[in-house]
Amino acid sequence: DLHSFPTRRSSDLTNGATSTLMVRLIRGQHLVLTPWEATLMALGIYDSTGAFLAPGTNREDLRTASWLLGQGAHLETIARYFSRALTERQAELLAQLQKNSAPYVIHGIRVVITWLESREYIDDAQTLLQRVMNMDGLEVLFAFMTIRGALHFLCRSNLPEINAAAIARSFGGSGQAAEAVASIPDMTREEAEEKLLRLLQGSVRPKDPLVRSEERRVGKECRS
């Protein structure tokens, strides 16, 4: 839910889907989940990992999902959620994200930056981003979402060379290596995007040390 971004930072929880890390904390406190709570947590893991097909999925995600099943998570509910067709509004938002996508290659790594605007809250923003990544075969996606005039920043990365949490922290946000968010109250989208590109130039670890350090644009698209 984009109007309730988390503000707590965690330096030691850096691997796995967000729900996986939440469950790790819950298990550490020896708490017991209700079947409904377990189902919600499992949905989060299925969503963040693309039903365990995303490259960033790890063994901890699978172990946690198994534990949640033992807590009574309903696979039927999860299956119904993932078989749902997009609503008209979701389709419109997805079209915005794809239309506004701009690809870059930074130190040999392909990243995509996109944006959208909405007059209403977006409760399923991460689901939309995962759809874009799955449909377009993306490993790294950054999205600026202007919701009711407020700018939000979402980061997704399946590559170790790009740490989503580190990028989000530079904007005052938080998250994990694969998924992070931030609210940006003091910048326009264009200013935030320029800052993001500078950060990527300075922080991305090149896959190949021989790759030229300067950014080059991929494709003929121009950002508006």
Protein backbone atom coordinates (compact mmCIF):
# COMPACT_ATOMS: atom_id res chain seq x y z
CA ASP A 1 0.00 0.00 0.00
CA LEU A 2 1.73 3.13 -1.22
CA HIS A 3 0.42 5.42 1.49
CA SER A 4 2.07 3.45 4.29
CA PHE A 5 5.71 2.94 3.33
CA PRO A 6 7.86 1.33 6.04
CA THR A 7 10.40 3.66 7.60
CA ARG A 8 12.44 1.23 9.73
CA ARG A 9 15.74 0.26 8.25
CA SER A 10 17.27 -3.15 8.66
CA SER A 11 20.92 -3.72 7.87
CA ASP A 12 21.06 -7.44 8.57
CA LEU A 13 17.95 -8.59 6.72
CA THR A 14 19.02 -8.29 3.11
CA ASN A 15 18.12 -11.54 1.35
CA GLY A 16 14.80 -12.93 0.25
CA ALA A 17 11.34 -11.59 -0.41
CA THR A 18 9.96 -9.01 2.03
CA SER A 19 7.41 -11.48 3.39
CA THR A 20 10.17 -14.04 3.91
CA LEU A 21 12.04 -11.60 6.10
CA MET A 22 8.89 -10.72 8.02
CA VAL A 23 8.23 -14.39 8.69
CA ARG A 24 11.80 -14.82 9.87
CA LEU A 25 11.17 -12.14 12.49
CA ILE A 26 7.87 -13.76 13.49
CA ARG A 27 9.47 -17.18 13.86
CA GLY A 28 12.29 -15.66 15.88
CA GLN A 29 9.69 -14.51 18.41
CA HIS A 30 8.10 -17.99 18.45
CA LEU A 31 4.74 -16.61 17.34
CA VAL A 32 2.01 -18.74 15.79
CA LEU A 33 0.10 -17.53 12.74
CA THR A 34 -3.55 -18.10 11.98
CA PRO A 35 -4.28 -19.81 8.64
CA TRP A 36 -5.46 -16.46 7.24
CA GLU A 37 -2.26 -14.70 8.33
CA ALA A 38 -0.17 -17.53 6.90
CA THR A 39 -2.05 -17.23 3.61
CA LEU A 40 -1.40 -13.48 3.40
CA MET A 41 2.30 -14.00 4.07
CA ALA A 42 2.49 -16.78 1.49
CA LEU A 43 0.77 -14.54 -1.05
CA GLY A 44 3.49 -11.96 -0.48
CA ILE A 45 6.21 -14.50 -1.16
CA TYR A 46 4.50 -15.88 -4.27
CA ASP A 47 4.02 -12.33 -5.55
CA SER A 48 7.57 -11.09 -4.87
CA THR A 49 9.17 -14.20 -6.36
CA GLY A 50 6.83 -14.50 -9.36
CA ALA A 51 5.55 -17.82 -7.99
CA PHE A 52 9.19 -18.86 -7.37
CA LEU A 53 10.17 -18.34 -11.00
CA ALA A 54 12.01 -15.00 -10.63
CA PRO A 55 15.83 -15.31 -10.76
CA GLY A 56 16.18 -13.66 -7.33
CA THR A 57 14.25 -16.46 -5.59
CA ASN A 58 16.35 -18.28 -2.99
CA ARG A 59 16.10 -21.33 -0.75
CA GLU A 60 14.91 -19.28 2.21
CA ASP A 61 11.84 -18.20 0.22
CA LEU A 62 11.01 -21.84 -0.47
CA ARG A 63 11.61 -22.94 3.12
CA THR A 64 9.45 -20.10 4.42
CA ALA A 65 6.61 -20.94 2.04
CA SER A 66 6.79 -24.54 3.25
CA TRP A 67 6.61 -23.39 6.88
CA LEU A 68 3.61 -21.19 6.06
CA LEU A 69 1.83 -24.20 4.56
CA GLY A 70 2.43 -25.95 7.83
CA GLN A 71 0.78 -22.98 9.55
CA GLY A 72 -2.34 -23.52 7.47
CA ALA A 73 -1.82 -21.29 4.43
CA HIS A 74 -4.53 -21.97 1.83
CA LEU A 75 -3.07 -22.89 -1.56
CA GLU A 76 -6.51 -22.62 -3.12
CA THR A 77 -6.71 -18.95 -2.13
CA ILE A 78 -3.23 -18.31 -3.51
CA ALA A 79 -4.10 -20.06 -6.77
CA ARG A 80 -7.26 -17.98 -7.18
CA TYR A 81 -5.29 -14.79 -6.62
CA PHE A 82 -2.72 -15.61 -9.29
CA SER A 83 -5.28 -16.78 -11.81
CA ARG A 84 -7.21 -13.52 -11.65
CA ALA A 85 -7.36 -11.48 -14.82
CA LEU A 86 -6.24 -7.89 -14.60
CA THR A 87 -8.92 -5.38 -13.76
CA GLU A 88 -9.48 -2.52 -16.18
CA ARG A 89 -7.63 -0.14 -13.87
CA GLN A 90 -4.72 -2.54 -13.40
CA ALA A 91 -4.47 -2.92 -17.17
CA GLU A 92 -4.35 0.86 -17.58
CA LEU A 93 -1.62 1.22 -14.97
CA LEU A 94 0.35 -1.64 -16.50
CA ALA A 95 0.09 0.02 -19.91
CA GLN A 96 1.43 3.26 -18.41
CA LEU A 97 4.41 1.46 -16.90
CA GLN A 98 5.26 -0.25 -20.17
CA LYS A 99 4.72 2.83 -22.32
CA ASN A 100 6.92 4.99 -20.10
CA SER A 101 9.71 2.43 -19.74
CA ALA A 102 13.18 3.59 -20.74
CA PRO A 103 16.06 1.07 -20.89
CA TYR A 104 19.66 1.93 -20.00
CA VAL A 105 22.89 -0.03 -19.90
CA ILE A 106 25.09 0.98 -16.97
CA HIS A 107 28.46 -0.70 -16.58
CA GLY A 108 27.23 -3.51 -18.79
CA ILE A 109 24.02 -4.08 -16.84
CA ARG A 110 20.61 -3.41 -18.37
CA VAL A 111 18.18 -1.51 -16.15
CA VAL A 112 14.77 -0.06 -16.92
CA ILE A 113 13.30 3.11 -15.41
CA THR A 114 9.59 3.79 -15.72
CA TRP A 115 6.88 5.97 -14.21
CA LEU A 116 3.15 6.45 -13.88
CA GLU A 117 0.66 8.90 -12.43
CA SER A 118 -2.55 8.07 -10.61
CA ARG A 119 -5.21 10.07 -8.78
CA GLU A 120 -6.01 7.06 -6.61
CA TYR A 121 -3.99 4.91 -4.23
CA ILE A 122 -2.37 1.82 -5.75
CA ASP A 123 -2.61 -1.15 -3.40
CA ASP A 124 -1.00 -3.64 -5.77
CA ALA A 125 1.99 -1.67 -7.03
CA GLN A 126 4.50 -4.46 -6.41
CA THR A 127 2.28 -6.91 -8.27
CA LEU A 128 2.21 -4.58 -11.26
CA LEU A 129 5.99 -4.26 -11.21
CA GLN A 130 6.38 -8.02 -11.09
CA ARG A 131 4.05 -8.32 -14.08
CA VAL A 132 6.17 -5.85 -16.04
CA MET A 133 9.36 -7.72 -15.14
CA ASN A 134 7.88 -11.07 -16.12
CA MET A 135 6.33 -9.82 -19.36
CA ASP A 136 9.42 -7.93 -20.51
CA GLY A 137 12.06 -10.30 -19.11
CA LEU A 138 13.62 -7.65 -16.86
CA GLU A 139 16.19 -8.18 -14.12
CA VAL A 140 16.19 -4.62 -12.73
CA LEU A 141 13.26 -2.20 -12.67
CA PHE A 142 12.88 1.22 -11.06
CA ALA A 143 9.49 2.92 -10.99
CA PHE A 144 8.50 6.45 -10.00
CA MET A 145 4.81 6.62 -9.10
CA THR A 146 3.06 9.91 -8.51
CA ILE A 147 0.04 9.08 -6.37
CA ARG A 148 -2.31 11.97 -5.57
CA GLY A 149 0.53 14.37 -6.17
CA ALA A 150 3.00 12.51 -3.91
CA LEU A 151 6.08 10.90 -5.49
CA HIS A 152 6.96 7.32 -4.54
CA PHE A 153 9.90 5.24 -5.69
CA LEU A 154 9.91 1.44 -6.07
CA CYS A 155 13.01 -0.65 -6.76
CA ARG A 156 13.21 -4.27 -7.90
CA SER A 157 16.48 -6.09 -8.62
CA ASN A 158 17.26 -9.74 -9.27
CA LEU A 159 20.98 -9.03 -9.69
CA PRO A 160 23.66 -8.89 -6.97
CA GLU A 161 25.35 -6.03 -8.81
CA ILE A 162 22.43 -3.71 -7.97
CA ASN A 163 21.24 -3.49 -4.38
CA ALA A 164 17.69 -2.12 -4.31
CA ALA A 165 17.89 -1.27 -0.59
CA ALA A 166 21.05 0.79 -1.01
CA ILE A 167 19.48 2.77 -3.83
CA ALA A 168 16.26 3.37 -1.88
CA ARG A 169 18.19 4.50 1.20
CA SER A 170 19.70 7.30 -0.86
CA PHE A 171 16.14 8.58 -1.24
CA GLY A 172 15.30 8.10 2.44
CA GLY A 173 13.63 4.73 1.90
CA SER A 174 14.23 1.17 3.08
CA GLY A 175 13.91 -2.43 1.99
CA GLN A 176 15.99 -5.44 1.00
CA ALA A 177 18.52 -6.16 -1.70
CA ALA A 178 15.82 -7.39 -4.10
CA GLU A 179 12.94 -5.05 -3.26
CA ALA A 180 12.80 -1.58 -1.69
CA VAL A 181 10.65 1.56 -1.58
CA ALA A 182 10.91 5.25 -0.75
CA SER A 183 8.74 8.35 -0.57
CA ILE A 184 10.28 11.44 -2.16
CA PRO A 185 8.60 14.64 -0.92
CA ASP A 186 11.20 17.19 -2.01
CA MET A 187 11.92 16.38 -5.67
CA THR A 188 10.16 16.31 -8.99
CA ARG A 189 10.12 13.03 -10.86
CA GLU A 190 12.65 14.37 -13.35
CA GLU A 191 15.03 15.44 -10.56
CA ALA A 192 14.68 12.09 -8.84
CA GLU A 193 15.40 10.24 -12.06
CA GLU A 194 18.55 12.27 -12.67
CA LYS A 195 19.69 11.46 -9.13
CA LEU A 196 18.96 7.76 -9.69
CA LEU A 197 21.09 7.67 -12.82
CA ARG A 198 23.97 9.35 -10.99
CA LEU A 199 23.66 6.84 -8.15
CA LEU A 200 23.66 3.91 -10.53
CA GLN A 201 26.76 5.24 -12.28
CA GLY A 202 28.58 5.45 -8.97
CA SER A 203 27.29 2.35 -7.21
CA VAL A 204 26.71 -0.40 -9.78
CA ARG A 205 29.35 -3.09 -9.65
CA PRO A 206 30.25 -3.93 -13.26
CA LYS A 207 29.85 -7.50 -14.41
CA ASP A 208 32.89 -7.04 -16.63
CA PRO A 209 35.77 -4.80 -15.46
CA LEU A 210 36.51 -3.95 -19.08
CA VAL A 211 33.07 -2.43 -19.59
CA ARG A 212 33.29 1.32 -20.18
CA SER A 213 32.15 3.34 -17.20
CA GLU A 214 30.07 5.90 -19.03
CA GLU A 215 26.35 5.40 -19.41
CA ARG A 216 24.90 4.70 -22.80
CA ARG A 217 21.28 4.82 -23.67
CA VAL A 218 19.61 1.81 -25.24
CA GLY A 219 16.84 2.21 -27.77
CA LYS A 220 15.39 5.23 -29.44
CA GLU A 221 12.79 6.08 -26.84
CA CYS A 222 12.85 9.53 -25.27
CA ARG A 223 11.54 10.18 -21.83
CA SER A 224 8.82 12.78 -21.63
